[in-house]
Amino acid sequence: MGNKTLKPAIGEEVLIPAGVDHTVQTSSTTGSRWYYGYKVRR
C-alpha cells in the first residue's frame, strides 16, 4: 500500500482500505490462503 512493504506473520491479517492501490504476493514455498471481504453499498 503506497510505498510500504508488509510481511505479516502467520495468522496476522492485513486490512487494505477501499480505493488504495496495492499489489500482493506470497513468499511461501508451500502455498497460502487468501480470504477476501467486501462491503456492499445499498
PDB file of N, CA and C in Angstrom:
ATOM      1  N   MET A   1       0.860  -1.162   0.000  1.00  0.00           N
ATOM      2  CA  MET A   1       0.000   0.000   0.000  1.00  0.00           C
ATOM      3  C   MET A   1       0.903   1.220   0.000  1.00  0.00           C
ATOM      4  N   GLY A   2       0.756   1.989  -1.009  1.00  0.00           N
ATOM      5  CA  GLY A   2       1.677   3.105  -1.137  1.00  0.00           C
ATOM      6  C   GLY A   2       3.074   2.561  -1.393  1.00  0.00           C
ATOM      7  N   ASN A   3       4.045   3.046  -0.656  1.00  0.00           N
ATOM      8  CA  ASN A   3       5.419   2.557  -0.786  1.00  0.00           C
ATOM      9  C   ASN A   3       5.788   1.598   0.327  1.00  0.00           C
ATOM     10  N   LYS A   4       4.807   1.085   1.060  1.00  0.00           N
ATOM     11  CA  LYS A   4       5.069   0.189   2.187  1.00  0.00           C
ATOM     12  C   LYS A   4       5.161  -1.261   1.727  1.00  0.00           C
ATOM     13  N   THR A   5       6.051  -2.014   2.354  1.00  0.00           N
ATOM     14  CA  THR A   5       6.108  -3.459   2.172  1.00  0.00           C
ATOM     15  C   THR A   5       5.756  -4.085   3.505  1.00  0.00           C
ATOM     16  N   LEU A   6       4.698  -4.875   3.527  1.00  0.00           N
ATOM     17  CA  LEU A   6       4.250  -5.524   4.753  1.00  0.00           C
ATOM     18  C   LEU A   6       4.551  -7.009   4.668  1.00  0.00           C
ATOM     19  N   LYS A   7       5.028  -7.580   5.763  1.00  0.00           N
ATOM     20  CA  LYS A   7       5.293  -9.019   5.823  1.00  0.00           C
ATOM     21  C   LYS A   7       4.634  -9.568   7.081  1.00  0.00           C
ATOM     22  N   PRO A   8       3.318  -9.803   7.026  1.00  0.00           N
ATOM     23  CA  PRO A   8       2.607 -10.280   8.216  1.00  0.00           C
ATOM     24  C   PRO A   8       3.046 -11.697   8.592  1.00  0.00           C
ATOM     25  N   ALA A   9       3.046 -11.960   9.878  1.00  0.00           N
ATOM     26  CA  ALA A   9       3.366 -13.293  10.385  1.00  0.00           C
ATOM     27  C   ALA A   9       2.173 -14.221  10.169  1.00  0.00           C
ATOM     28  N   ILE A  10       2.401 -15.504  10.294  1.00  0.00           N
ATOM     29  CA  ILE A  10       1.329 -16.486  10.160  1.00  0.00           C
ATOM     30  C   ILE A  10       0.209 -16.131  11.134  1.00  0.00           C
ATOM     31  N   GLY A  11      -1.012 -16.083  10.631  1.00  0.00           N
ATOM     32  CA  GLY A  11      -2.174 -15.768  11.457  1.00  0.00           C
ATOM     33  C   GLY A  11      -2.512 -14.295  11.525  1.00  0.00           C
ATOM     34  N   GLU A  12      -1.628 -13.421  11.081  1.00  0.00           N
ATOM     35  CA  GLU A  12      -1.912 -11.991  11.087  1.00  0.00           C
ATOM     36  C   GLU A  12      -2.770 -11.614   9.887  1.00  0.00           C
ATOM     37  N   GLU A  13      -3.484 -10.515  10.027  1.00  0.00           N
ATOM     38  CA  GLU A  13      -4.342 -10.006   8.965  1.00  0.00           C
ATOM     39  C   GLU A  13      -3.836  -8.651   8.501  1.00  0.00           C
ATOM     40  N   VAL A  14      -4.130  -8.328   7.261  1.00  0.00           N
ATOM     41  CA  VAL A  14      -3.805  -7.016   6.711  1.00  0.00           C
ATOM     42  C   VAL A  14      -5.087  -6.434   6.132  1.00  0.00           C
ATOM     43  N   LEU A  15      -5.436  -5.234   6.538  1.00  0.00           N
ATOM     44  CA  LEU A  15      -6.612  -4.545   6.012  1.00  0.00           C
ATOM     45  C   LEU A  15      -6.147  -3.577   4.931  1.00  0.00           C
ATOM     46  N   ILE A  16      -6.693  -3.737   3.749  1.00  0.00           N
ATOM     47  CA  ILE A  16      -6.401  -2.822   2.648  1.00  0.00           C
ATOM     48  C   ILE A  16      -7.671  -2.018   2.399  1.00  0.00           C
ATOM     49  N   PRO A  17      -7.670  -0.739   2.763  1.00  0.00           N
ATOM     50  CA  PRO A  17      -8.876   0.075   2.610  1.00  0.00           C
ATOM     51  C   PRO A  17      -9.315   0.187   1.147  1.00  0.00           C
ATOM     52  N   ALA A  18     -10.602   0.366   0.948  1.00  0.00           N
ATOM     53  CA  ALA A  18     -11.155   0.530  -0.398  1.00  0.00           C
ATOM     54  C   ALA A  18     -10.484   1.699  -1.103  1.00  0.00           C
ATOM     55  N   GLY A  19     -10.185   1.519  -2.375  1.00  0.00           N
ATOM     56  CA  GLY A  19      -9.621   2.593  -3.185  1.00  0.00           C
ATOM     57  C   GLY A  19      -8.118   2.748  -3.099  1.00  0.00           C
ATOM     58  N   VAL A  20      -7.449   1.946  -2.270  1.00  0.00           N
ATOM     59  CA  VAL A  20      -5.999   2.053  -2.119  1.00  0.00           C
ATOM     60  C   VAL A  20      -5.322   1.133  -3.137  1.00  0.00           C
ATOM     61  N   ASP A  21      -4.428   1.691  -3.948  1.00  0.00           N
ATOM     62  CA  ASP A  21      -3.672   0.863  -4.888  1.00  0.00           C
ATOM     63  C   ASP A  21      -2.768  -0.075  -4.109  1.00  0.00           C
ATOM     64  N   HIS A  22      -2.687  -1.328  -4.565  1.00  0.00           N
ATOM     65  CA  HIS A  22      -1.865  -2.310  -3.857  1.00  0.00           C
ATOM     66  C   HIS A  22      -1.519  -3.487  -4.764  1.00  0.00           C
ATOM     67  N   THR A  23      -0.507  -4.203  -4.372  1.00  0.00           N
ATOM     68  CA  THR A  23      -0.094  -5.440  -5.022  1.00  0.00           C
ATOM     69  C   THR A  23       0.174  -6.438  -3.919  1.00  0.00           C
ATOM     70  N   VAL A  24      -0.202  -7.695  -4.140  1.00  0.00           N
ATOM     71  CA  VAL A  24       0.051  -8.726  -3.127  1.00  0.00           C
ATOM     72  C   VAL A  24       0.723  -9.934  -3.773  1.00  0.00           C
ATOM     73  N   GLN A  25       1.554 -10.598  -2.995  1.00  0.00           N
ATOM     74  CA  GLN A  25       2.153 -11.850  -3.433  1.00  0.00           C
ATOM     75  C   GLN A  25       2.551 -12.645  -2.204  1.00  0.00           C
ATOM     76  N   THR A  26       2.638 -13.947  -2.360  1.00  0.00           N
ATOM     77  CA  THR A  26       3.062 -14.796  -1.254  1.00  0.00           C
ATOM     78  C   THR A  26       4.549 -15.103  -1.386  1.00  0.00           C
ATOM     79  N   SER A  27       5.225 -15.178  -0.265  1.00  0.00           N
ATOM     80  CA  SER A  27       6.640 -15.553  -0.273  1.00  0.00           C
ATOM     81  C   SER A  27       6.812 -16.991   0.197  1.00  0.00           C
ATOM     82  N   SER A  28       5.706 -17.678   0.445  1.00  0.00           N
ATOM     83  CA  SER A  28       5.730 -19.058   0.922  1.00  0.00           C
ATOM     84  C   SER A  28       6.038 -20.024  -0.213  1.00  0.00           C
ATOM     85  N   THR A  29       6.813 -21.040   0.088  1.00  0.00           N
ATOM     86  CA  THR A  29       7.071 -22.087  -0.906  1.00  0.00           C
ATOM     87  C   THR A  29       6.048 -23.209  -0.788  1.00  0.00           C
ATOM     88  N   THR A  30       5.205 -23.157   0.253  1.00  0.00           N
ATOM     89  CA  THR A  30       4.211 -24.211   0.469  1.00  0.00           C
ATOM     90  C   THR A  30       2.792 -23.739   0.185  1.00  0.00           C
ATOM     91  N   GLY A  31       2.626 -22.525  -0.296  1.00  0.00           N
ATOM     92  CA  GLY A  31       1.302 -22.004  -0.606  1.00  0.00           C
ATOM     93  C   GLY A  31       0.757 -21.130   0.504  1.00  0.00           C
ATOM     94  N   SER A  32      -0.400 -20.583   0.255  1.00  0.00           N
ATOM     95  CA  SER A  32      -1.037 -19.711   1.234  1.00  0.00           C
ATOM     96  C   SER A  32      -2.537 -19.713   0.993  1.00  0.00           C
ATOM     97  N   ARG A  33      -3.276 -19.140   1.934  1.00  0.00           N
ATOM     98  CA  ARG A  33      -4.730 -18.999   1.808  1.00  0.00           C
ATOM     99  C   ARG A  33      -5.066 -17.521   1.895  1.00  0.00           C
ATOM    100  N   TRP A  34      -5.940 -17.094   1.009  1.00  0.00           N
ATOM    101  CA  TRP A  34      -6.350 -15.699   0.971  1.00  0.00           C
ATOM    102  C   TRP A  34      -7.848 -15.630   1.215  1.00  0.00           C
ATOM    103  N   TYR A  35      -8.254 -14.753   2.101  1.00  0.00           N
ATOM    104  CA  TYR A  35      -9.673 -14.534   2.382  1.00  0.00           C
ATOM    105  C   TYR A  35      -9.998 -13.084   2.068  1.00  0.00           C
ATOM    106  N   TYR A  36     -11.057 -12.886   1.319  1.00  0.00           N
ATOM    107  CA  TYR A  36     -11.459 -11.544   0.916  1.00  0.00           C
ATOM    108  C   TYR A  36     -12.821 -11.216   1.508  1.00  0.00           C
ATOM    109  N   GLY A  37     -13.001  -9.969   1.858  1.00  0.00           N
ATOM    110  CA  GLY A  37     -14.302  -9.496   2.307  1.00  0.00           C
ATOM    111  C   GLY A  37     -14.567  -8.143   1.668  1.00  0.00           C
ATOM    112  N   TYR A  38     -15.787  -7.947   1.227  1.00  0.00           N
ATOM    113  CA  TYR A  38     -16.149  -6.698   0.576  1.00  0.00           C
ATOM    114  C   TYR A  38     -17.407  -6.139   1.215  1.00  0.00           C
ATOM    115  N   LYS A  39     -17.415  -4.843   1.418  1.00  0.00           N
ATOM    116  CA  LYS A  39     -18.596  -4.174   1.936  1.00  0.00           C
ATOM    117  C   LYS A  39     -19.424  -3.693   0.747  1.00  0.00           C
ATOM    118  N   VAL A  40     -20.686  -4.058   0.726  1.00  0.00           N
ATOM    119  CA  VAL A  40     -21.574  -3.696  -0.374  1.00  0.00           C
ATOM    120  C   VAL A  40     -22.403  -2.487   0.032  1.00  0.00           C
ATOM    121  N   ARG A  41     -22.382  -1.473  -0.808  1.00  0.00           N
ATOM    122  CA  ARG A  41     -23.202  -0.285  -0.540  1.00  0.00           C
ATOM    123  C   ARG A  41     -24.609  -0.544  -1.032  1.00  0.00           C
ATOM    124  N   ARG A  42     -25.591  -0.145  -0.226  1.00  0.00           N
ATOM    125  CA  ARG A  42     -27.002  -0.324  -0.615  1.00  0.00           C
ATOM    126  C   ARG A  42     -27.735   0.980  -0.567  1.00  0.00           C
TER     127      ARG A  42
END
